PDB file of all heavy atoms in Angstrom:
ATOM      1  N   ARG A   1       2.073   7.429  -7.290  1.00  0.00           N
ATOM      2  CA  ARG A   1       1.485   8.021  -6.181  1.00  0.00           C
ATOM      3  C   ARG A   1       0.901   6.916  -5.181  1.00  0.00           C
ATOM      4  O   ARG A   1       1.025   7.197  -3.969  1.00  0.00           O
ATOM      5  CB  ARG A   1       0.261   8.815  -6.615  1.00  0.00           C
ATOM      6  CG  ARG A   1       0.662  10.119  -7.288  1.00  0.00           C
ATOM      7  CD  ARG A   1      -0.558  10.869  -7.852  1.00  0.00           C
ATOM      8  NE  ARG A   1      -1.502  11.357  -6.819  1.00  0.00           N
ATOM      9  CZ  ARG A   1      -1.388  12.416  -6.080  1.00  0.00           C
ATOM     10  NH1 ARG A   1      -0.272  13.215  -6.271  1.00  0.00           N
ATOM     11  NH2 ARG A   1      -2.189  12.767  -5.107  1.00  0.00           N
ATOM     12  N   GLY A   2       0.560   5.810  -5.689  1.00  0.00           N
ATOM     13  CA  GLY A   2       0.138   4.682  -4.829  1.00  0.00           C
ATOM     14  C   GLY A   2       1.286   4.166  -3.988  1.00  0.00           C
ATOM     15  O   GLY A   2       1.240   3.966  -2.763  1.00  0.00           O
ATOM     16  N   ILE A   3       2.484   3.916  -4.667  1.00  0.00           N
ATOM     17  CA  ILE A   3       3.589   3.491  -3.995  1.00  0.00           C
ATOM     18  C   ILE A   3       4.121   4.530  -3.054  1.00  0.00           C
ATOM     19  O   ILE A   3       4.562   4.185  -1.817  1.00  0.00           O
ATOM     20  CB  ILE A   3       4.688   3.160  -5.119  1.00  0.00           C
ATOM     21  CG1 ILE A   3       4.224   2.015  -5.871  1.00  0.00           C
ATOM     22  CG2 ILE A   3       6.027   2.821  -4.418  1.00  0.00           C
ATOM     23  CD1 ILE A   3       5.177   1.654  -7.107  1.00  0.00           C
ATOM     24  N   ARG A   4       4.125   5.799  -3.417  1.00  0.00           N
ATOM     25  CA  ARG A   4       4.521   6.871  -2.528  1.00  0.00           C
ATOM     26  C   ARG A   4       3.643   6.832  -1.249  1.00  0.00           C
ATOM     27  O   ARG A   4       4.161   7.062  -0.124  1.00  0.00           O
ATOM     28  CB  ARG A   4       4.329   8.188  -3.293  1.00  0.00           C
ATOM     29  CG  ARG A   4       4.755   9.403  -2.403  1.00  0.00           C
ATOM     30  CD  ARG A   4       4.496  10.706  -3.197  1.00  0.00           C
ATOM     31  NE  ARG A   4       4.639  11.844  -2.374  1.00  0.00           N
ATOM     32  CZ  ARG A   4       4.289  13.062  -2.770  1.00  0.00           C
ATOM     33  NH1 ARG A   4       3.820  13.252  -3.985  1.00  0.00           N
ATOM     34  NH2 ARG A   4       4.439  14.085  -1.989  1.00  0.00           N
ATOM     35  N   LEU A   5       2.345   6.637  -1.387  1.00  0.00           N
ATOM     36  CA  LEU A   5       1.457   6.585  -0.215  1.00  0.00           C
ATOM     37  C   LEU A   5       1.799   5.446   0.615  1.00  0.00           C
ATOM     38  O   LEU A   5       1.933   5.593   1.905  1.00  0.00           O
ATOM     39  CB  LEU A   5       0.054   6.435  -0.625  1.00  0.00           C
ATOM     40  CG  LEU A   5      -1.015   6.335   0.475  1.00  0.00           C
ATOM     41  CD1 LEU A   5      -1.002   7.478   1.359  1.00  0.00           C
ATOM     42  CD2 LEU A   5      -2.481   6.017  -0.109  1.00  0.00           C
ATOM     43  N   LEU A   6       2.057   4.262   0.045  1.00  0.00           N
ATOM     44  CA  LEU A   6       2.446   3.081   0.870  1.00  0.00           C
ATOM     45  C   LEU A   6       3.717   3.370   1.603  1.00  0.00           C
ATOM     46  O   LEU A   6       3.911   2.986   2.849  1.00  0.00           O
ATOM     47  CB  LEU A   6       2.560   1.873   0.002  1.00  0.00           C
ATOM     48  CG  LEU A   6       2.715   0.519   0.652  1.00  0.00           C
ATOM     49  CD1 LEU A   6       1.499   0.145   1.546  1.00  0.00           C
ATOM     50  CD2 LEU A   6       3.005  -0.537  -0.336  1.00  0.00           C
ATOM     51  N   HIS A   7       4.680   4.036   0.929  1.00  0.00           N
ATOM     52  CA  HIS A   7       5.983   4.395   1.565  1.00  0.00           C
ATOM     53  C   HIS A   7       5.735   5.255   2.746  1.00  0.00           C
ATOM     54  O   HIS A   7       6.355   5.118   3.833  1.00  0.00           O
ATOM     55  CB  HIS A   7       6.845   5.003   0.537  1.00  0.00           C
ATOM     56  CG  HIS A   7       8.214   5.424   1.071  1.00  0.00           C
ATOM     57  ND1 HIS A   7       8.402   6.716   1.622  1.00  0.00           N
ATOM     58  CD2 HIS A   7       9.432   4.766   1.179  1.00  0.00           C
ATOM     59  CE1 HIS A   7       9.650   6.743   2.033  1.00  0.00           C
ATOM     60  NE2 HIS A   7      10.285   5.623   1.690  1.00  0.00           N
ATOM     61  N   ASN A   8       4.912   6.250   2.589  1.00  0.00           N
ATOM     62  CA  ASN A   8       4.632   7.192   3.699  1.00  0.00           C
ATOM     63  C   ASN A   8       4.017   6.510   4.892  1.00  0.00           C
ATOM     64  O   ASN A   8       4.348   6.745   6.023  1.00  0.00           O
ATOM     65  CB  ASN A   8       3.559   8.321   3.163  1.00  0.00           C
ATOM     66  CG  ASN A   8       4.298   9.308   2.254  1.00  0.00           C
ATOM     67  OD1 ASN A   8       5.540   9.269   2.085  1.00  0.00           O
ATOM     68  ND2 ASN A   8       3.525  10.108   1.609  1.00  0.00           N
ATOM     69  N   TRP A   9       3.049   5.537   4.619  1.00  0.00           N
ATOM     70  CA  TRP A   9       2.478   4.740   5.737  1.00  0.00           C
ATOM     71  C   TRP A   9       3.498   3.911   6.453  1.00  0.00           C
ATOM     72  O   TRP A   9       3.426   3.697   7.634  1.00  0.00           O
ATOM     73  CB  TRP A   9       1.384   3.865   5.165  1.00  0.00           C
ATOM     74  CG  TRP A   9       0.133   4.656   4.896  1.00  0.00           C
ATOM     75  CD1 TRP A   9      -0.204   5.959   5.286  1.00  0.00           C
ATOM     76  CD2 TRP A   9      -1.067   4.192   4.226  1.00  0.00           C
ATOM     77  NE1 TRP A   9      -1.448   6.275   4.825  1.00  0.00           N
ATOM     78  CE2 TRP A   9      -2.004   5.215   4.259  1.00  0.00           C
ATOM     79  CE3 TRP A   9      -1.377   2.956   3.685  1.00  0.00           C
ATOM     80  CZ2 TRP A   9      -3.307   5.113   3.631  1.00  0.00           C
ATOM     81  CZ3 TRP A   9      -2.646   2.819   3.125  1.00  0.00           C
ATOM     82  CH2 TRP A   9      -3.599   3.865   3.134  1.00  0.00           C
ATOM     83  N   GLN A  10       4.469   3.319   5.610  1.00  0.00           N
ATOM     84  CA  GLN A  10       5.443   2.391   6.225  1.00  0.00           C
ATOM     85  C   GLN A  10       6.474   3.227   7.081  1.00  0.00           C
ATOM     86  O   GLN A  10       6.929   2.647   8.051  1.00  0.00           O
ATOM     87  CB  GLN A  10       6.142   1.719   5.153  1.00  0.00           C
ATOM     88  CG  GLN A  10       5.311   0.612   4.437  1.00  0.00           C
ATOM     89  CD  GLN A  10       5.039  -0.519   5.396  1.00  0.00           C
ATOM     90  OE1 GLN A  10       3.924  -0.621   5.920  1.00  0.00           O
ATOM     91  NE2 GLN A  10       6.003  -1.439   5.681  1.00  0.00           N
ATOM     92  N   PHE A  11       6.856   4.410   6.659  1.00  0.00           N
ATOM     93  CA  PHE A  11       8.004   5.092   7.299  1.00  0.00           C
ATOM     94  C   PHE A  11       7.582   6.346   8.088  1.00  0.00           C
ATOM     95  O   PHE A  11       8.352   7.232   8.213  1.00  0.00           O
ATOM     96  CB  PHE A  11       9.047   5.357   6.218  1.00  0.00           C
ATOM     97  CG  PHE A  11       9.592   4.117   5.680  1.00  0.00           C
ATOM     98  CD1 PHE A  11       9.206   3.646   4.402  1.00  0.00           C
ATOM     99  CD2 PHE A  11      10.507   3.267   6.353  1.00  0.00           C
ATOM    100  CE1 PHE A  11       9.683   2.489   3.848  1.00  0.00           C
ATOM    101  CE2 PHE A  11      11.030   2.130   5.787  1.00  0.00           C
ATOM    102  CZ  PHE A  11      10.640   1.734   4.551  1.00  0.00           C
ATOM    103  N   THR A  12       6.315   6.396   8.433  1.00  0.00           N
ATOM    104  CA  THR A  12       5.901   7.507   9.260  1.00  0.00           C
ATOM    105  C   THR A  12       5.275   6.935  10.537  1.00  0.00           C
ATOM    106  O   THR A  12       4.891   5.869  10.589  1.00  0.00           O
ATOM    107  CB  THR A  12       4.885   8.443   8.533  1.00  0.00           C
ATOM    108  OG1 THR A  12       3.738   7.660   8.148  1.00  0.00           O
ATOM    109  CG2 THR A  12       5.518   9.113   7.420  1.00  0.00           C
ATOM    110  N   ASN A  13       5.050   7.838  11.477  1.00  0.00           N
ATOM    111  CA  ASN A  13       4.453   7.378  12.764  1.00  0.00           C
ATOM    112  C   ASN A  13       3.045   7.883  12.964  1.00  0.00           C
ATOM    113  O   ASN A  13       2.671   8.365  14.054  1.00  0.00           O
ATOM    114  CB  ASN A  13       5.384   7.862  13.992  1.00  0.00           C
ATOM    115  CG  ASN A  13       6.710   7.306  14.014  1.00  0.00           C
ATOM    116  OD1 ASN A  13       6.812   6.092  13.776  1.00  0.00           O
ATOM    117  ND2 ASN A  13       7.729   8.102  14.177  1.00  0.00           N
ATOM    118  N   LEU A  14       2.325   7.745  11.937  1.00  0.00           N
ATOM    119  CA  LEU A  14       0.845   8.133  12.016  1.00  0.00           C
ATOM    120  C   LEU A  14       0.090   7.034  12.715  1.00  0.00           C
ATOM    121  O   LEU A  14      -0.115   5.969  12.098  1.00  0.00           O
ATOM    122  CB  LEU A  14       0.320   8.392  10.620  1.00  0.00           C
ATOM    123  CG  LEU A  14       0.963   9.543   9.779  1.00  0.00           C
ATOM    124  CD1 LEU A  14       0.432   9.675   8.494  1.00  0.00           C
ATOM    125  CD2 LEU A  14       0.963  10.846  10.589  1.00  0.00           C
ATOM    126  N   ASN A  15      -0.347   7.270  13.932  1.00  0.00           N
ATOM    127  CA  ASN A  15      -0.924   6.090  14.709  1.00  0.00           C
ATOM    128  C   ASN A  15      -2.278   5.703  14.163  1.00  0.00           C
ATOM    129  O   ASN A  15      -2.679   4.561  14.349  1.00  0.00           O
ATOM    130  CB  ASN A  15      -1.127   6.647  16.195  1.00  0.00           C
ATOM    131  CG  ASN A  15       0.284   6.861  16.799  1.00  0.00           C
ATOM    132  OD1 ASN A  15       1.285   6.156  16.628  1.00  0.00           O
ATOM    133  ND2 ASN A  15       0.270   7.801  17.728  1.00  0.00           N
ATOM    134  N   GLN A  16      -2.974   6.623  13.340  1.00  0.00           N
ATOM    135  CA  GLN A  16      -4.332   6.222  12.995  1.00  0.00           C
ATOM    136  C   GLN A  16      -4.281   5.315  11.738  1.00  0.00           C
ATOM    137  O   GLN A  16      -5.283   4.777  11.343  1.00  0.00           O
ATOM    138  CB  GLN A  16      -5.109   7.541  12.632  1.00  0.00           C
ATOM    139  CG  GLN A  16      -4.648   8.264  11.393  1.00  0.00           C
ATOM    140  CD  GLN A  16      -3.565   9.319  11.679  1.00  0.00           C
ATOM    141  OE1 GLN A  16      -2.868   9.187  12.649  1.00  0.00           O
ATOM    142  NE2 GLN A  16      -3.535  10.369  10.841  1.00  0.00           N
ATOM    143  N   ILE A  17      -3.111   5.138  11.145  1.00  0.00           N
ATOM    144  CA  ILE A  17      -2.986   4.239  10.018  1.00  0.00           C
ATOM    145  C   ILE A  17      -2.811   2.798  10.532  1.00  0.00           C
ATOM    146  O   ILE A  17      -1.716   2.442  11.162  1.00  0.00           O
ATOM    147  CB  ILE A  17      -1.784   4.611   9.091  1.00  0.00           C
ATOM    148  CG1 ILE A  17      -1.896   6.053   8.589  1.00  0.00           C
ATOM    149  CG2 ILE A  17      -1.704   3.632   7.878  1.00  0.00           C
ATOM    150  CD1 ILE A  17      -3.222   6.311   7.903  1.00  0.00           C
ATOM    151  N   GLN A  18      -3.795   1.969  10.355  1.00  0.00           N
ATOM    152  CA  GLN A  18      -3.761   0.627  10.865  1.00  0.00           C
ATOM    153  C   GLN A  18      -2.932  -0.307  10.012  1.00  0.00           C
ATOM    154  O   GLN A  18      -2.871  -0.216   8.792  1.00  0.00           O
ATOM    155  CB  GLN A  18      -5.131   0.059  10.944  1.00  0.00           C
ATOM    156  CG  GLN A  18      -6.104   0.826  11.842  1.00  0.00           C
ATOM    157  CD  GLN A  18      -5.664   0.891  13.276  1.00  0.00           C
ATOM    158  OE1 GLN A  18      -5.170  -0.145  13.808  1.00  0.00           O
ATOM    159  NE2 GLN A  18      -5.738   2.020  14.008  1.00  0.00           N
ATOM    160  N   PRO A  19      -2.218  -1.312  10.628  1.00  0.00           N
ATOM    161  CA  PRO A  19      -1.418  -2.278   9.778  1.00  0.00           C
ATOM    162  C   PRO A  19      -2.234  -2.953   8.715  1.00  0.00           C
ATOM    163  O   PRO A  19      -1.879  -3.289   7.627  1.00  0.00           O
ATOM    164  CB  PRO A  19      -0.835  -3.170  10.860  1.00  0.00           C
ATOM    165  CG  PRO A  19      -0.925  -2.380  12.108  1.00  0.00           C
ATOM    166  CD  PRO A  19      -2.003  -1.495  12.004  1.00  0.00           C
ATOM    167  N   GLN A  20      -3.489  -3.214   9.131  1.00  0.00           N
ATOM    168  CA  GLN A  20      -4.419  -3.955   8.189  1.00  0.00           C
ATOM    169  C   GLN A  20      -4.702  -3.080   6.971  1.00  0.00           C
ATOM    170  O   GLN A  20      -4.814  -3.627   5.943  1.00  0.00           O
ATOM    171  CB  GLN A  20      -5.764  -4.289   8.974  1.00  0.00           C
ATOM    172  CG  GLN A  20      -5.585  -5.349  10.083  1.00  0.00           C
ATOM    173  CD  GLN A  20      -5.234  -4.626  11.369  1.00  0.00           C
ATOM    174  OE1 GLN A  20      -4.931  -3.381  11.423  1.00  0.00           O
ATOM    175  NE2 GLN A  20      -5.203  -5.405  12.429  1.00  0.00           N
ATOM    176  N   ASP A  21      -4.815  -1.835   7.122  1.00  0.00           N
ATOM    177  CA  ASP A  21      -5.022  -0.905   6.046  1.00  0.00           C
ATOM    178  C   ASP A  21      -3.869  -0.932   5.008  1.00  0.00           C
ATOM    179  O   ASP A  21      -4.068  -0.913   3.833  1.00  0.00           O
ATOM    180  CB  ASP A  21      -5.273   0.498   6.479  1.00  0.00           C
ATOM    181  CG  ASP A  21      -6.566   0.718   7.325  1.00  0.00           C
ATOM    182  OD1 ASP A  21      -7.397  -0.132   7.055  1.00  0.00           O
ATOM    183  OD2 ASP A  21      -6.672   1.687   7.981  1.00  0.00           O
ATOM    184  N   LYS A  22      -2.682  -1.096   5.641  1.00  0.00           N
ATOM    185  CA  LYS A  22      -1.471  -1.051   4.679  1.00  0.00           C
ATOM    186  C   LYS A  22      -1.531  -2.318   3.892  1.00  0.00           C
ATOM    187  O   LYS A  22      -1.146  -2.320   2.713  1.00  0.00           O
ATOM    188  CB  LYS A  22      -0.186  -1.011   5.627  1.00  0.00           C
ATOM    189  CG  LYS A  22      -0.117   0.204   6.430  1.00  0.00           C
ATOM    190  CD  LYS A  22       1.136   0.122   7.332  1.00  0.00           C
ATOM    191  CE  LYS A  22       1.260   1.309   8.331  1.00  0.00           C
ATOM    192  NZ  LYS A  22       2.431   1.191   9.213  1.00  0.00           N
ATOM    193  N   ILE A  23      -1.862  -3.457   4.487  1.00  0.00           N
ATOM    194  CA  ILE A  23      -1.784  -4.737   3.748  1.00  0.00           C
ATOM    195  C   ILE A  23      -2.913  -4.781   2.683  1.00  0.00           C
ATOM    196  O   ILE A  23      -2.704  -5.163   1.530  1.00  0.00           O
ATOM    197  CB  ILE A  23      -2.012  -5.900   4.724  1.00  0.00           C
ATOM    198  CG1 ILE A  23      -0.927  -6.015   5.719  1.00  0.00           C
ATOM    199  CG2 ILE A  23      -2.273  -7.180   3.933  1.00  0.00           C
ATOM    200  CD1 ILE A  23      -1.103  -7.073   6.744  1.00  0.00           C
ATOM    201  N   ILE A  24      -4.086  -4.245   3.035  1.00  0.00           N
ATOM    202  CA  ILE A  24      -5.120  -4.143   1.998  1.00  0.00           C
ATOM    203  C   ILE A  24      -4.683  -3.302   0.839  1.00  0.00           C
ATOM    204  O   ILE A  24      -4.880  -3.662  -0.326  1.00  0.00           O
ATOM    205  CB  ILE A  24      -6.458  -3.523   2.639  1.00  0.00           C
ATOM    206  CG1 ILE A  24      -7.062  -4.564   3.702  1.00  0.00           C
ATOM    207  CG2 ILE A  24      -7.498  -3.287   1.573  1.00  0.00           C
ATOM    208  CD1 ILE A  24      -7.480  -5.824   3.108  1.00  0.00           C
ATOM    209  N   PHE A  25      -4.201  -2.073   1.116  1.00  0.00           N
ATOM    210  CA  PHE A  25      -3.787  -1.183   0.013  1.00  0.00           C
ATOM    211  C   PHE A  25      -2.663  -1.819  -0.766  1.00  0.00           C
ATOM    212  O   PHE A  25      -2.613  -1.753  -1.983  1.00  0.00           O
ATOM    213  CB  PHE A  25      -3.326   0.155   0.562  1.00  0.00           C
ATOM    214  CG  PHE A  25      -3.021   1.136  -0.479  1.00  0.00           C
ATOM    215  CD1 PHE A  25      -4.067   1.808  -1.197  1.00  0.00           C
ATOM    216  CD2 PHE A  25      -1.732   1.501  -0.826  1.00  0.00           C
ATOM    217  CE1 PHE A  25      -3.827   2.709  -2.157  1.00  0.00           C
ATOM    218  CE2 PHE A  25      -1.463   2.501  -1.703  1.00  0.00           C
ATOM    219  CZ  PHE A  25      -2.547   3.027  -2.481  1.00  0.00           C
ATOM    220  N   PHE A  26      -1.687  -2.538  -0.132  1.00  0.00           N
ATOM    221  CA  PHE A  26      -0.637  -3.288  -0.768  1.00  0.00           C
ATOM    222  C   PHE A  26      -1.228  -4.334  -1.735  1.00  0.00           C
ATOM    223  O   PHE A  26      -0.735  -4.488  -2.906  1.00  0.00           O
ATOM    224  CB  PHE A  26       0.313  -3.924   0.285  1.00  0.00           C
ATOM    225  CG  PHE A  26       1.473  -4.656  -0.287  1.00  0.00           C
ATOM    226  CD1 PHE A  26       2.437  -4.020  -0.951  1.00  0.00           C
ATOM    227  CD2 PHE A  26       1.361  -6.027  -0.312  1.00  0.00           C
ATOM    228  CE1 PHE A  26       3.599  -4.799  -1.531  1.00  0.00           C
ATOM    229  CE2 PHE A  26       2.499  -6.831  -0.853  1.00  0.00           C
ATOM    230  CZ  PHE A  26       3.560  -6.089  -1.408  1.00  0.00           C
ATOM    231  N   SER A  27      -2.326  -5.009  -1.275  1.00  0.00           N
ATOM    232  CA  SER A  27      -2.874  -6.029  -2.152  1.00  0.00           C
ATOM    233  C   SER A  27      -3.446  -5.383  -3.427  1.00  0.00           C
ATOM    234  O   SER A  27      -3.384  -6.117  -4.472  1.00  0.00           O
ATOM    235  CB  SER A  27      -3.978  -6.795  -1.362  1.00  0.00           C
ATOM    236  OG  SER A  27      -5.152  -6.008  -1.164  1.00  0.00           O
ATOM    237  N   TYR A  28      -3.994  -4.200  -3.395  1.00  0.00           N
ATOM    238  CA  TYR A  28      -4.415  -3.629  -4.537  1.00  0.00           C
ATOM    239  C   TYR A  28      -3.354  -3.284  -5.596  1.00  0.00           C
ATOM    240  O   TYR A  28      -3.492  -3.448  -6.818  1.00  0.00           O
ATOM    241  CB  TYR A  28      -5.261  -2.324  -4.258  1.00  0.00           C
ATOM    242  CG  TYR A  28      -6.688  -2.708  -3.948  1.00  0.00           C
ATOM    243  CD1 TYR A  28      -7.021  -3.232  -2.634  1.00  0.00           C
ATOM    244  CD2 TYR A  28      -7.755  -2.462  -4.809  1.00  0.00           C
ATOM    245  CE1 TYR A  28      -8.325  -3.525  -2.362  1.00  0.00           C
ATOM    246  CE2 TYR A  28      -9.062  -2.764  -4.445  1.00  0.00           C
ATOM    247  CZ  TYR A  28      -9.328  -3.297  -3.242  1.00  0.00           C
ATOM    248  OH  TYR A  28     -10.681  -3.585  -2.963  1.00  0.00           O
ATOM    249  N   LEU A  29      -2.215  -2.773  -5.020  1.00  0.00           N
ATOM    250  CA  LEU A  29      -1.035  -2.505  -5.784  1.00  0.00           C
ATOM    251  C   LEU A  29      -0.604  -3.783  -6.490  1.00  0.00           C
ATOM    252  O   LEU A  29      -0.236  -3.835  -7.663  1.00  0.00           O
ATOM    253  CB  LEU A  29      -0.007  -1.842  -4.957  1.00  0.00           C
ATOM    254  CG  LEU A  29      -0.219  -0.383  -4.610  1.00  0.00           C
ATOM    255  CD1 LEU A  29       0.922   0.035  -3.625  1.00  0.00           C
ATOM    256  CD2 LEU A  29      -0.172   0.503  -5.858  1.00  0.00           C
ATOM    257  N   VAL A  30      -0.418  -4.899  -5.702  1.00  0.00           N
ATOM    258  CA  VAL A  30      -0.009  -6.195  -6.239  1.00  0.00           C
ATOM    259  C   VAL A  30      -1.004  -6.685  -7.301  1.00  0.00           C
ATOM    260  O   VAL A  30      -0.535  -7.168  -8.367  1.00  0.00           O
ATOM    261  CB  VAL A  30       0.125  -7.183  -5.140  1.00  0.00           C
ATOM    262  CG1 VAL A  30       0.460  -8.568  -5.736  1.00  0.00           C
ATOM    263  CG2 VAL A  30       1.263  -6.770  -4.141  1.00  0.00           C
ATOM    264  N   ALA A  31      -2.225  -6.546  -7.052  1.00  0.00           N
ATOM    265  CA  ALA A  31      -3.253  -7.002  -7.980  1.00  0.00           C
ATOM    266  C   ALA A  31      -3.196  -6.288  -9.281  1.00  0.00           C
ATOM    267  O   ALA A  31      -3.253  -6.919 -10.351  1.00  0.00           O
ATOM    268  CB  ALA A  31      -4.616  -6.923  -7.388  1.00  0.00           C
ATOM    269  N   PHE A  32      -2.986  -4.959  -9.208  1.00  0.00           N
ATOM    270  CA  PHE A  32      -2.901  -4.217 -10.504  1.00  0.00           C
ATOM    271  C   PHE A  32      -1.614  -4.559 -11.257  1.00  0.00           C
ATOM    272  O   PHE A  32      -1.648  -4.687 -12.477  1.00  0.00           O
ATOM    273  CB  PHE A  32      -3.017  -2.729 -10.285  1.00  0.00           C
ATOM    274  CG  PHE A  32      -3.225  -1.931 -11.580  1.00  0.00           C
ATOM    275  CD1 PHE A  32      -4.411  -1.886 -12.253  1.00  0.00           C
ATOM    276  CD2 PHE A  32      -1.978  -1.340 -12.118  1.00  0.00           C
ATOM    277  CE1 PHE A  32      -4.417  -1.211 -13.497  1.00  0.00           C
ATOM    278  CE2 PHE A  32      -2.116  -0.679 -13.380  1.00  0.00           C
ATOM    279  CZ  PHE A  32      -3.409  -0.571 -14.023  1.00  0.00           C
ATOM    280  N   PHE A  33      -0.458  -4.613 -10.550  1.00  0.00           N
ATOM    281  CA  PHE A  33       0.750  -4.971 -11.208  1.00  0.00           C
ATOM    282  C   PHE A  33       0.618  -6.386 -11.797  1.00  0.00           C
ATOM    283  O   PHE A  33       1.190  -6.722 -12.868  1.00  0.00           O
ATOM    284  CB  PHE A  33       1.873  -4.885 -10.190  1.00  0.00           C
ATOM    285  CG  PHE A  33       2.611  -3.539 -10.152  1.00  0.00           C
ATOM    286  CD1 PHE A  33       2.417  -2.869  -8.908  1.00  0.00           C
ATOM    287  CD2 PHE A  33       3.277  -3.017 -11.117  1.00  0.00           C
ATOM    288  CE1 PHE A  33       2.898  -1.634  -8.706  1.00  0.00           C
ATOM    289  CE2 PHE A  33       3.839  -1.729 -11.025  1.00  0.00           C
ATOM    290  CZ  PHE A  33       3.690  -0.964  -9.793  1.00  0.00           C
ATOM    291  N   ALA A  34      -0.106  -7.294 -11.100  1.00  0.00           N
ATOM    292  CA  ALA A  34      -0.377  -8.564 -11.685  1.00  0.00           C
ATOM    293  C   ALA A  34      -1.096  -8.488 -13.012  1.00  0.00           C
ATOM    294  O   ALA A  34      -0.854  -9.259 -13.942  1.00  0.00           O
ATOM    295  CB  ALA A  34      -1.157  -9.486 -10.637  1.00  0.00           C
ATOM    296  N   CYS A  35      -2.162  -7.560 -13.062  1.00  0.00           N
ATOM    297  CA  CYS A  35      -2.808  -7.369 -14.334  1.00  0.00           C
ATOM    298  C   CYS A  35      -1.971  -6.907 -15.399  1.00  0.00           C
ATOM    299  O   CYS A  35      -2.050  -7.252 -16.630  1.00  0.00           O
ATOM    300  CB  CYS A  35      -4.026  -6.420 -14.086  1.00  0.00           C
ATOM    301  SG  CYS A  35      -5.252  -7.053 -12.990  1.00  0.00           S
ATOM    302  N   VAL A  36      -1.007  -5.948 -15.090  1.00  0.00           N
ATOM    303  CA  VAL A  36      -0.037  -5.512 -16.075  1.00  0.00           C
ATOM    304  C   VAL A  36       0.790  -6.607 -16.529  1.00  0.00           C
ATOM    305  O   VAL A  36       0.997  -6.733 -17.807  1.00  0.00           O
ATOM    306  CB  VAL A  36       0.887  -4.354 -15.368  1.00  0.00           C
ATOM    307  CG1 VAL A  36       1.978  -4.009 -16.398  1.00  0.00           C
ATOM    308  CG2 VAL A  36      -0.008  -3.123 -15.099  1.00  0.00           C
ATOM    309  N   LEU A  37       1.343  -7.455 -15.777  1.00  0.00           N
ATOM    310  CA  LEU A  37       2.087  -8.587 -16.151  1.00  0.00           C
ATOM    311  C   LEU A  37       1.259  -9.577 -17.033  1.00  0.00           C
ATOM    312  O   LEU A  37       1.775 -10.127 -17.999  1.00  0.00           O
ATOM    313  CB  LEU A  37       2.664  -9.281 -14.927  1.00  0.00           C
ATOM    314  CG  LEU A  37       3.839  -8.700 -14.197  1.00  0.00           C
ATOM    315  CD1 LEU A  37       4.169  -9.487 -12.964  1.00  0.00           C
ATOM    316  CD2 LEU A  37       5.018  -8.418 -15.127  1.00  0.00           C
ATOM    317  N   PHE A  38      -0.013  -9.812 -16.627  1.00  0.00           N
ATOM    318  CA  PHE A  38      -0.839 -10.617 -17.310  1.00  0.00           C
ATOM    319  C   PHE A  38      -1.022 -10.132 -18.776  1.00  0.00           C
ATOM    320  O   PHE A  38      -1.082 -10.955 -19.766  1.00  0.00           O
ATOM    321  CB  PHE A  38      -2.183 -10.791 -16.637  1.00  0.00           C
ATOM    322  CG  PHE A  38      -3.069 -11.916 -17.169  1.00  0.00           C
ATOM    323  CD1 PHE A  38      -2.952 -13.200 -16.605  1.00  0.00           C
ATOM    324  CD2 PHE A  38      -3.948 -11.721 -18.153  1.00  0.00           C
ATOM    325  CE1 PHE A  38      -3.621 -14.233 -17.116  1.00  0.00           C
ATOM    326  CE2 PHE A  38      -4.717 -12.766 -18.645  1.00  0.00           C
ATOM    327  CZ  PHE A  38      -4.581 -14.016 -18.072  1.00  0.00           C
TER     328      PHE A  38
END
């Protein structure tokens, strides 16, 4: 669901979604996947 949300943000034209918000949310996904690998 997290990846799906990021995909929606990347490939839709919702003007209220700021690029900074996308990077922040992406960092949480990366951090958790990092924990899984760890």
